[in-house]
Amino acid sequence: MKNGYKSNGFTVFSTDEFPLSPSASLFSPEKNAHDSLFVFPGFCDVHVHFREPGFFYKESIETGSKAASHGGYTAVCTMPNLNPVPDSLEHLQPQLDLIKKNAIINVYPYGSITKDEQGETLSDMKALSPYVIAFSDDGRGVQSSSVMRDAMEHAKYFNKMIVAHCEDNRLLHDGYIHDGAYAKSHNHKGICSESEWGPIKRDIALAKETGCAFHVCHISCKESVDLIRQAKQDGVDISCETAPHYLLLTEDDLQEDGRFKMNPPIRSKADREALLEGLLDGTIDMIATDHAPHSAEEKSKGLKDSAFGIVGLETAFPLLYTNLVKPRFLKLEKLIDLLAYAPRKRFHIPFENEYSLWDLERSVTIDPDTFLSKGRSTPFAGQTVFGQCLETYCGDKMVYKK
């Protein structure tokens, strides 16, 4: 392994498994490169929503992949809550055609676990398996234990992973933010943590029983961290992700604004601390953005009535670098592993000389009006961060240039 070596004046992050050999002549910055210029492997996000087909007004394959390239991402996995839901090869084909036509980075679609993501009948996993990265009903939890067991058995047979949005509908009670102090003091309906960790506990037992590879989406609470840590110690084939907003915000940061509404919700300080501990000890395998764009109208209705979801591809690295690496909580090498190497290893995503050039000493103010995504909703708007992406390459083709 070789990390942080100097090449043509740039600091290049590279490993034997994911080698990078970029030439300074590829980059537009002046040849006497400064110490603040870093070449990173292309980031990989296993949890994004590009909304197409079906919801073009929110995002498209084209705008989503451009937003990804702006954030240094060269590989993403797109969630299946689309129209049509990719529950058969016929329903997946429109998305495959759009990816081939309009994506400027590598886009890997998910197939749904169940037909129309209704949680009742399994999708056509056999036909979908050669064309999807894994199976997920993201946006909805599979409520039936027997359906999830069948899904895991089929996924294992086809050598695919189950990627679960773990949520127990019986415990939601029309909530929309964390069931904590802010919800109580501001008369909001809360979402309890058990609605997340309860299904995780169930699915860990099913993964252990079936031997299926299992990945948990966007964990947000301390109990989830504890359960997954113990499952790994017990030998379960399990991995998980969390998102930048769960690592950097708590319910104390909430405002009466739709840009603070996401599912699962931002939780307590104790939950945030447990997630950070999980990053350090390896319980949490990777960071994914859950990039979930909506229209301005859909996000303008306050905490109660706005749509769930925020955008994150264009802000993830600067936010994490500024708030975790610069204060010396996390090493830069560890952050790059969480964003680039670990997702590829777990999801078996190939690496084709994908990289981005960053100036880590350049400060920028997060301005949604500069986003390449159609989505503009972020709780981090107006914050000053360090780290600016100057250029992104995917397969030696420049896909972003500041």
Protein backbone atom coordinates (compact mmCIF):
# COMPACT_ATOMS: atom_id res chain seq x y z
CA MET A 1 0.00 0.00 0.00
CA LYS A 2 1.24 3.48 -0.84
CA ASN A 3 -0.59 6.53 0.48
CA GLY A 4 0.28 10.18 0.10
CA TYR A 5 3.31 9.94 -2.20
CA LYS A 6 4.52 12.91 -4.24
CA SER A 7 4.20 12.88 -8.03
CA ASN A 8 4.86 15.91 -10.23
CA GLY A 9 4.24 18.23 -7.30
CA PHE A 10 0.90 16.70 -6.28
CA THR A 11 0.24 14.55 -3.24
CA VAL A 12 -1.30 11.38 -4.66
CA PHE A 13 -3.40 8.97 -2.61
CA SER A 14 -3.02 5.49 -4.04
CA THR A 15 -2.98 1.82 -3.04
CA ASP A 16 -1.69 -1.34 -4.68
CA GLU A 17 -5.29 -2.47 -5.18
CA PHE A 18 -6.46 0.88 -6.57
CA PRO A 19 -3.37 2.37 -8.23
CA LEU A 20 -3.24 5.96 -9.44
CA SER A 21 -0.59 7.25 -11.80
CA PRO A 22 -1.89 10.65 -12.90
CA SER A 23 0.37 12.99 -14.82
CA ALA A 24 0.53 16.63 -13.83
CA SER A 25 0.12 17.49 -17.50
CA LEU A 26 -3.49 16.31 -17.25
CA PHE A 27 -4.32 19.07 -14.82
CA SER A 28 -4.91 22.71 -15.60
CA PRO A 29 -3.43 24.28 -12.41
CA GLU A 30 -0.01 25.87 -12.70
CA LYS A 31 2.84 23.40 -12.96
CA ASN A 32 4.55 24.59 -9.77
CA ALA A 33 1.84 22.82 -7.76
CA HIS A 34 1.43 23.84 -4.13
CA ASP A 35 1.47 21.50 -1.13
CA SER A 36 -2.29 21.99 -0.78
CA LEU A 37 -3.02 20.16 -4.06
CA PHE A 38 -4.04 16.52 -3.61
CA VAL A 39 -4.99 13.80 -6.06
CA PHE A 40 -7.61 11.46 -4.60
CA PRO A 41 -9.13 8.29 -6.03
CA GLY A 42 -12.60 8.84 -7.40
CA PHE A 43 -15.07 8.72 -4.53
CA CYS A 44 -17.77 6.04 -4.57
CA ASP A 45 -21.25 6.60 -3.14
CA VAL A 46 -23.39 3.50 -2.73
CA HIS A 47 -26.55 5.44 -1.85
CA VAL A 48 -27.86 8.16 -4.18
CA HIS A 49 -31.18 9.09 -5.74
CA PHE A 50 -30.98 10.32 -9.33
CA ARG A 51 -34.81 10.19 -9.67
CA GLU A 52 -34.89 9.11 -13.30
CA PRO A 53 -36.99 7.59 -14.76
CA GLY A 54 -40.14 8.95 -13.19
CA PHE A 55 -39.16 12.12 -11.34
CA PHE A 56 -37.11 14.14 -13.80
CA TYR A 57 -38.17 17.43 -12.20
CA LYS A 58 -36.23 16.49 -9.04
CA GLU A 59 -33.05 15.17 -10.68
CA SER A 60 -31.88 13.26 -13.74
CA ILE A 61 -29.09 10.85 -14.58
CA GLU A 62 -27.33 13.74 -16.32
CA THR A 63 -27.64 16.35 -13.55
CA GLY A 64 -27.02 13.79 -10.81
CA SER A 65 -23.84 12.52 -12.41
CA LYS A 66 -22.65 16.09 -13.01
CA ALA A 67 -23.26 16.88 -9.33
CA ALA A 68 -21.31 13.76 -8.39
CA SER A 69 -18.35 14.78 -10.53
CA HIS A 70 -18.40 18.23 -8.89
CA GLY A 71 -17.96 16.48 -5.54
CA GLY A 72 -15.13 14.22 -6.74
CA TYR A 73 -17.34 11.13 -7.18
CA THR A 74 -16.78 8.85 -10.16
CA ALA A 75 -18.98 5.90 -9.14
CA VAL A 76 -22.46 5.90 -7.61
CA CYS A 77 -25.22 3.37 -6.94
CA THR A 78 -28.73 4.61 -7.69
CA MET A 79 -31.64 3.62 -5.48
CA PRO A 80 -34.74 1.99 -7.01
CA ASN A 81 -37.61 4.18 -5.76
CA LEU A 82 -38.38 5.25 -9.32
CA ASN A 83 -41.24 5.01 -11.80
CA PRO A 84 -41.21 2.31 -12.97
CA VAL A 85 -39.62 0.57 -10.01
CA PRO A 86 -36.83 -1.66 -11.38
CA ASP A 87 -38.44 -4.90 -10.23
CA SER A 88 -38.04 -6.64 -13.60
CA LEU A 89 -35.67 -6.40 -16.51
CA GLU A 90 -38.37 -4.66 -18.51
CA HIS A 91 -38.74 -1.99 -15.81
CA LEU A 92 -34.97 -1.64 -15.36
CA GLN A 93 -34.24 -1.12 -19.05
CA PRO A 94 -35.32 2.56 -19.25
CA GLN A 95 -32.82 3.40 -16.50
CA LEU A 96 -30.05 1.42 -18.19
CA ASP A 97 -30.72 3.30 -21.44
CA LEU A 98 -30.59 6.67 -19.67
CA ILE A 99 -27.35 5.75 -17.90
CA LYS A 100 -25.74 4.72 -21.17
CA LYS A 101 -26.90 7.93 -22.87
CA ASN A 102 -26.46 10.61 -20.21
CA ALA A 103 -24.19 9.52 -17.34
CA ILE A 104 -20.73 11.10 -17.28
CA ILE A 105 -19.51 8.88 -14.44
CA ASN A 106 -20.04 5.20 -13.60
CA VAL A 107 -23.62 4.63 -12.45
CA TYR A 108 -24.69 1.26 -11.01
CA PRO A 109 -28.44 0.76 -10.47
CA TYR A 110 -30.08 -1.22 -7.69
CA GLY A 111 -32.90 -3.64 -8.33
CA SER A 112 -35.80 -3.58 -5.93
CA ILE A 113 -36.25 -6.36 -3.38
CA THR A 114 -40.01 -6.56 -3.95
CA LYS A 115 -42.40 -5.76 -6.75
CA ASP A 116 -43.17 -2.04 -6.84
CA GLU A 117 -41.39 -1.84 -3.46
CA GLN A 118 -44.60 -2.97 -1.80
CA GLY A 119 -42.89 -5.50 0.46
CA GLU A 120 -45.11 -8.41 -0.54
CA THR A 121 -43.81 -10.32 -3.60
CA LEU A 122 -40.16 -10.65 -4.58
CA SER A 123 -38.90 -8.89 -7.68
CA ASP A 124 -37.54 -10.88 -10.61
CA MET A 125 -34.15 -11.28 -8.98
CA LYS A 126 -32.95 -13.89 -11.44
CA ALA A 127 -33.41 -11.64 -14.48
CA LEU A 128 -32.14 -8.53 -12.69
CA SER A 129 -29.02 -10.01 -11.07
CA PRO A 130 -26.61 -9.58 -14.02
CA TYR A 131 -27.53 -5.90 -14.36
CA VAL A 132 -27.84 -4.53 -10.82
CA ILE A 133 -25.30 -3.83 -8.11
CA ALA A 134 -27.50 -5.24 -5.31
CA PHE A 135 -31.13 -5.35 -4.15
CA SER A 136 -32.86 -2.71 -2.02
CA ASP A 137 -36.32 -1.34 -1.28
CA ASP A 138 -34.80 1.92 -0.16
CA GLY A 139 -37.31 4.47 1.02
CA ARG A 140 -39.34 1.68 2.57
CA GLY A 141 -38.56 -1.03 5.06
CA VAL A 142 -39.51 -4.61 4.27
CA GLN A 143 -42.06 -5.19 7.01
CA SER A 144 -42.44 -8.97 6.68
CA SER A 145 -39.78 -11.23 8.20
CA SER A 146 -40.72 -14.06 5.86
CA VAL A 147 -40.40 -11.86 2.77
CA MET A 148 -37.00 -10.63 3.92
CA ARG A 149 -35.85 -14.18 4.61
CA ASP A 150 -36.91 -15.24 1.10
CA ALA A 151 -35.15 -12.20 -0.36
CA MET A 152 -31.94 -13.03 1.45
CA GLU A 153 -32.03 -16.64 0.33
CA HIS A 154 -32.54 -15.59 -3.30
CA ALA A 155 -29.89 -12.87 -3.12
CA LYS A 156 -27.36 -15.32 -1.71
CA TYR A 157 -28.12 -17.78 -4.50
CA PHE A 158 -27.51 -15.09 -7.12
CA ASN A 159 -24.42 -13.82 -5.26
CA LYS A 160 -25.94 -10.41 -4.58
CA MET A 161 -26.22 -8.32 -1.45
CA ILE A 162 -29.38 -7.16 0.32
CA VAL A 163 -29.12 -3.45 1.09
CA ALA A 164 -31.79 -2.52 3.60
CA HIS A 165 -33.61 0.62 4.54
CA CYS A 166 -34.47 -0.54 8.05
CA GLU A 167 -37.69 1.02 9.27
CA ASP A 168 -40.62 -0.40 11.24
CA ASN A 169 -43.77 1.35 10.04
CA ARG A 170 -45.64 0.41 13.23
CA LEU A 171 -43.37 2.70 15.25
CA LEU A 172 -43.46 5.81 13.04
CA HIS A 173 -46.74 7.34 14.33
CA ASP A 174 -46.64 10.02 11.59
CA GLY A 175 -43.34 11.34 12.96
CA TYR A 176 -40.97 13.43 10.88
CA ILE A 177 -38.04 14.42 13.14
CA HIS A 178 -36.18 12.65 15.97
CA ASP A 179 -38.32 11.83 18.98
CA GLY A 180 -36.22 13.90 21.34
CA ALA A 181 -36.01 17.19 23.18
CA TYR A 182 -36.52 19.40 20.12
CA ALA A 183 -39.65 17.56 19.03
CA LYS A 184 -41.14 17.81 22.52
CA SER A 185 -40.30 21.49 23.04
CA HIS A 186 -41.56 22.51 19.57
CA ASN A 187 -44.66 20.30 19.48
CA HIS A 188 -43.48 18.08 16.62
CA LYS A 189 -44.22 14.39 16.11
CA GLY A 190 -41.09 12.31 16.60
CA ILE A 191 -39.59 9.19 15.03
CA CYS A 192 -38.21 6.88 17.70
CA SER A 193 -34.83 5.20 17.32
CA GLU A 194 -36.35 1.74 17.73
CA SER A 195 -38.07 2.14 14.36
CA GLU A 196 -34.54 1.85 12.94
CA TRP A 197 -32.69 -0.51 15.26
CA GLY A 198 -35.59 -2.94 15.68
CA PRO A 199 -35.57 -4.02 12.01
CA ILE A 200 -31.76 -4.08 12.02
CA LYS A 201 -31.86 -6.55 14.91
CA ARG A 202 -34.38 -8.70 13.00
CA ASP A 203 -32.38 -8.62 9.77
CA ILE A 204 -29.10 -9.45 11.49
CA ALA A 205 -30.71 -12.66 12.73
CA LEU A 206 -31.98 -13.41 9.20
CA ALA A 207 -28.57 -12.69 7.64
CA LYS A 208 -26.95 -15.01 10.16
CA GLU A 209 -29.53 -17.70 9.37
CA THR A 210 -29.29 -17.44 5.57
CA GLY A 211 -25.62 -16.47 5.16
CA CYS A 212 -26.63 -13.59 2.90
CA ALA A 213 -24.35 -10.58 2.53
CA PHE A 214 -26.22 -7.74 4.24
CA HIS A 215 -25.67 -3.98 4.16
CA VAL A 216 -27.55 -1.48 6.32
CA CYS A 217 -28.37 1.94 4.88
CA HIS A 218 -27.91 5.31 6.62
CA ILE A 219 -27.65 4.30 10.28
CA SER A 220 -28.38 7.19 12.63
CA CYS A 221 -28.60 5.97 16.23
CA LYS A 222 -26.36 4.47 18.89
CA GLU A 223 -28.32 1.22 19.20
CA SER A 224 -27.75 0.51 15.49
CA VAL A 225 -24.01 0.93 15.98
CA ASP A 226 -24.02 -1.45 18.95
CA LEU A 227 -26.04 -4.11 17.10
CA ILE A 228 -23.83 -4.02 14.01
CA ARG A 229 -20.65 -4.06 16.06
CA GLN A 230 -21.82 -7.20 17.87
CA ALA A 231 -22.98 -8.81 14.61
CA LYS A 232 -19.52 -8.36 13.12
CA GLN A 233 -17.98 -9.95 16.20
CA ASP A 234 -20.40 -12.86 15.74
CA GLY A 235 -19.22 -13.40 12.17
CA VAL A 236 -22.30 -12.10 10.32
CA ASP A 237 -21.56 -10.94 6.76
CA ILE A 238 -22.70 -7.37 7.46
CA SER A 239 -21.64 -3.86 6.59
CA CYS A 240 -23.20 -0.45 7.03
CA GLU A 241 -23.04 3.20 6.06
CA THR A 242 -23.86 6.50 7.66
CA ALA A 243 -24.14 9.95 6.10
CA PRO A 244 -22.33 13.26 6.69
CA HIS A 245 -25.37 14.92 8.28
CA TYR A 246 -25.59 12.26 10.99
CA LEU A 247 -21.90 12.68 11.77
CA LEU A 248 -21.94 16.47 11.89
CA LEU A 249 -25.39 17.51 13.17
CA THR A 250 -27.71 16.74 16.08
CA GLU A 251 -31.27 17.69 16.99
CA ASP A 252 -29.78 20.77 18.67
CA ASP A 253 -29.03 22.10 15.17
CA LEU A 254 -32.60 21.76 13.91
CA GLN A 255 -34.41 24.75 12.48
CA GLU A 256 -38.01 25.18 11.37
CA ASP A 257 -36.99 24.58 7.79
CA GLY A 258 -37.46 21.69 5.35
CA ARG A 259 -33.74 21.52 4.66
CA PHE A 260 -33.35 19.86 8.07
CA LYS A 261 -35.82 17.07 7.27
CA MET A 262 -34.48 13.69 6.21
CA ASN A 263 -35.22 10.02 6.93
CA PRO A 264 -33.90 8.75 9.25
CA PRO A 265 -33.81 12.05 11.11
CA ILE A 266 -30.89 13.87 12.71
CA ARG A 267 -30.77 12.48 16.23
CA SER A 268 -29.23 13.25 19.63
CA LYS A 269 -25.72 14.18 20.69
CA ALA A 270 -25.27 10.70 22.19
CA ASP A 271 -26.23 9.14 18.85
CA ARG A 272 -23.74 11.33 16.99
CA GLU A 273 -20.98 10.40 19.41
CA ALA A 274 -21.74 6.69 18.93
CA LEU A 275 -21.56 7.09 15.14
CA LEU A 276 -18.21 8.84 15.38
CA GLU A 277 -16.92 6.05 17.63
CA GLY A 278 -18.21 3.55 15.07
CA LEU A 279 -16.18 5.28 12.38
CA LEU A 280 -13.01 5.01 14.41
CA ASP A 281 -13.37 1.35 15.42
CA GLY A 282 -14.47 0.10 12.00
CA THR A 283 -18.08 -0.72 12.84
CA ILE A 284 -19.19 1.77 10.20
CA ASP A 285 -17.67 0.69 6.90
CA MET A 286 -18.29 3.68 4.68
CA ILE A 287 -19.89 7.09 4.32
CA ALA A 288 -22.67 7.56 1.77
CA THR A 289 -24.52 10.80 1.13
CA ASP A 290 -28.11 9.55 0.60
CA HIS A 291 -28.23 12.35 -2.00
CA ALA A 292 -32.00 12.89 -2.26
CA PRO A 293 -32.98 15.94 -4.33
CA HIS A 294 -36.47 17.44 -4.37
CA SER A 295 -37.99 20.51 -5.94
CA ALA A 296 -37.81 23.85 -4.13
CA GLU A 297 -41.57 23.71 -3.57
CA GLU A 298 -41.38 20.26 -1.99
CA LYS A 299 -38.74 21.46 0.48
CA SER A 300 -40.37 24.81 1.34
CA LYS A 301 -43.09 23.53 3.67
CA GLY A 302 -41.26 23.39 6.98
CA LEU A 303 -40.33 20.38 9.08
CA LYS A 304 -43.82 18.88 9.16
CA ASP A 305 -44.86 19.02 5.52
CA SER A 306 -41.67 19.13 3.45
CA ALA A 307 -40.48 16.02 1.61
CA PHE A 308 -37.85 13.87 3.31
CA GLY A 309 -34.34 14.25 1.90
CA ILE A 310 -31.40 16.57 1.24
CA VAL A 311 -28.61 16.74 -1.33
CA GLY A 312 -25.04 15.85 -0.44
CA LEU A 313 -22.76 14.83 -3.30
CA GLU A 314 -21.29 18.28 -3.83
CA THR A 315 -20.59 19.03 -0.17
CA ALA A 316 -19.64 15.69 1.42
CA PHE A 317 -15.86 15.78 1.21
CA PRO A 318 -15.35 19.46 2.15
CA LEU A 319 -17.70 19.10 5.13
CA LEU A 320 -16.04 15.94 6.42
CA TYR A 321 -12.53 17.22 5.78
CA THR A 322 -13.25 20.52 7.55
CA ASN A 323 -15.08 19.09 10.55
CA LEU A 324 -13.33 15.76 11.11
CA VAL A 325 -9.88 15.83 9.50
CA LYS A 326 -8.72 19.38 10.18
CA PRO A 327 -9.56 19.10 13.92
CA ARG A 328 -7.49 15.87 13.90
CA PHE A 329 -10.39 13.63 14.88
CA LEU A 330 -9.96 11.55 11.72
CA LYS A 331 -6.91 10.97 9.56
CA LEU A 332 -7.16 12.01 5.94
CA GLU A 333 -6.21 8.47 4.89
CA LYS A 334 -9.16 7.10 6.87
CA LEU A 335 -11.59 9.55 5.27
CA ILE A 336 -10.41 8.56 1.79
CA ASP A 337 -10.91 4.92 2.70
CA LEU A 338 -14.48 5.61 3.88
CA LEU A 339 -15.34 7.55 0.73
CA ALA A 340 -13.44 5.66 -1.97
CA TYR A 341 -11.79 2.36 -1.15
CA ALA A 342 -14.16 0.67 1.33
CA PRO A 343 -17.34 1.10 -0.76
CA ARG A 344 -15.65 -0.37 -3.83
CA LYS A 345 -14.33 -3.35 -1.89
CA ARG A 346 -17.64 -4.22 -0.27
CA PHE A 347 -19.75 -3.73 -3.41
CA HIS A 348 -17.15 -5.13 -5.83
CA ILE A 349 -17.12 -1.94 -7.87
CA PRO A 350 -14.23 -1.79 -10.36
CA PHE A 351 -11.70 1.01 -10.44
CA GLU A 352 -10.72 2.41 -13.85
CA ASN A 353 -8.14 5.10 -13.11
CA GLU A 354 -10.68 7.49 -11.63
CA TYR A 355 -9.45 10.44 -9.62
CA SER A 356 -9.98 14.08 -8.70
CA LEU A 357 -7.75 17.05 -7.94
CA TRP A 358 -8.42 19.07 -4.79
CA ASP A 359 -7.05 22.22 -3.23
CA LEU A 360 -7.40 21.51 0.48
CA GLU A 361 -6.44 24.97 1.64
CA ARG A 362 -8.99 26.81 -0.48
CA SER A 363 -11.98 27.91 1.60
CA VAL A 364 -15.44 28.15 0.06
CA THR A 365 -18.88 29.04 1.35
CA ILE A 366 -21.52 26.43 0.59
CA ASP A 367 -23.91 28.09 -1.84
CA PRO A 368 -26.72 25.90 -3.20
CA ASP A 369 -27.06 28.21 -6.21
CA THR A 370 -23.72 26.87 -7.44
CA PHE A 371 -24.81 23.22 -7.28
CA LEU A 372 -24.98 21.20 -10.48
CA SER A 373 -27.75 19.09 -8.95
CA LYS A 374 -31.33 20.19 -9.47
CA GLY A 375 -31.70 19.84 -5.70
CA ARG A 376 -30.79 22.83 -3.54
CA SER A 377 -31.82 21.73 -0.08
CA THR A 378 -28.97 21.33 2.42
CA PRO A 379 -28.73 22.12 6.14
CA PHE A 380 -25.14 23.25 5.54
CA ALA A 381 -25.94 26.24 3.32
CA GLY A 382 -23.84 29.27 4.26
CA GLN A 383 -21.15 27.30 6.07
CA THR A 384 -17.50 27.96 5.20
CA VAL A 385 -15.51 24.81 4.46
CA PHE A 386 -12.03 23.92 3.24
CA GLY A 387 -11.38 21.85 0.16
CA GLN A 388 -12.39 22.62 -3.40
CA CYS A 389 -12.58 20.14 -6.24
CA LEU A 390 -10.72 21.53 -9.24
CA GLU A 391 -10.97 18.65 -11.71
CA THR A 392 -12.43 15.15 -11.84
CA TYR A 393 -11.46 12.36 -14.23
CA CYS A 394 -13.30 9.13 -14.94
CA GLY A 395 -11.37 6.65 -17.06
CA ASP A 396 -8.90 9.40 -18.01
CA LYS A 397 -11.75 11.55 -19.35
CA MET A 398 -12.24 14.92 -17.67
CA VAL A 399 -15.80 15.02 -16.36
CA TYR A 400 -15.55 18.13 -14.19
CA LYS A 401 -13.44 21.26 -14.34
CA LYS A 402 -13.90 24.23 -12.06
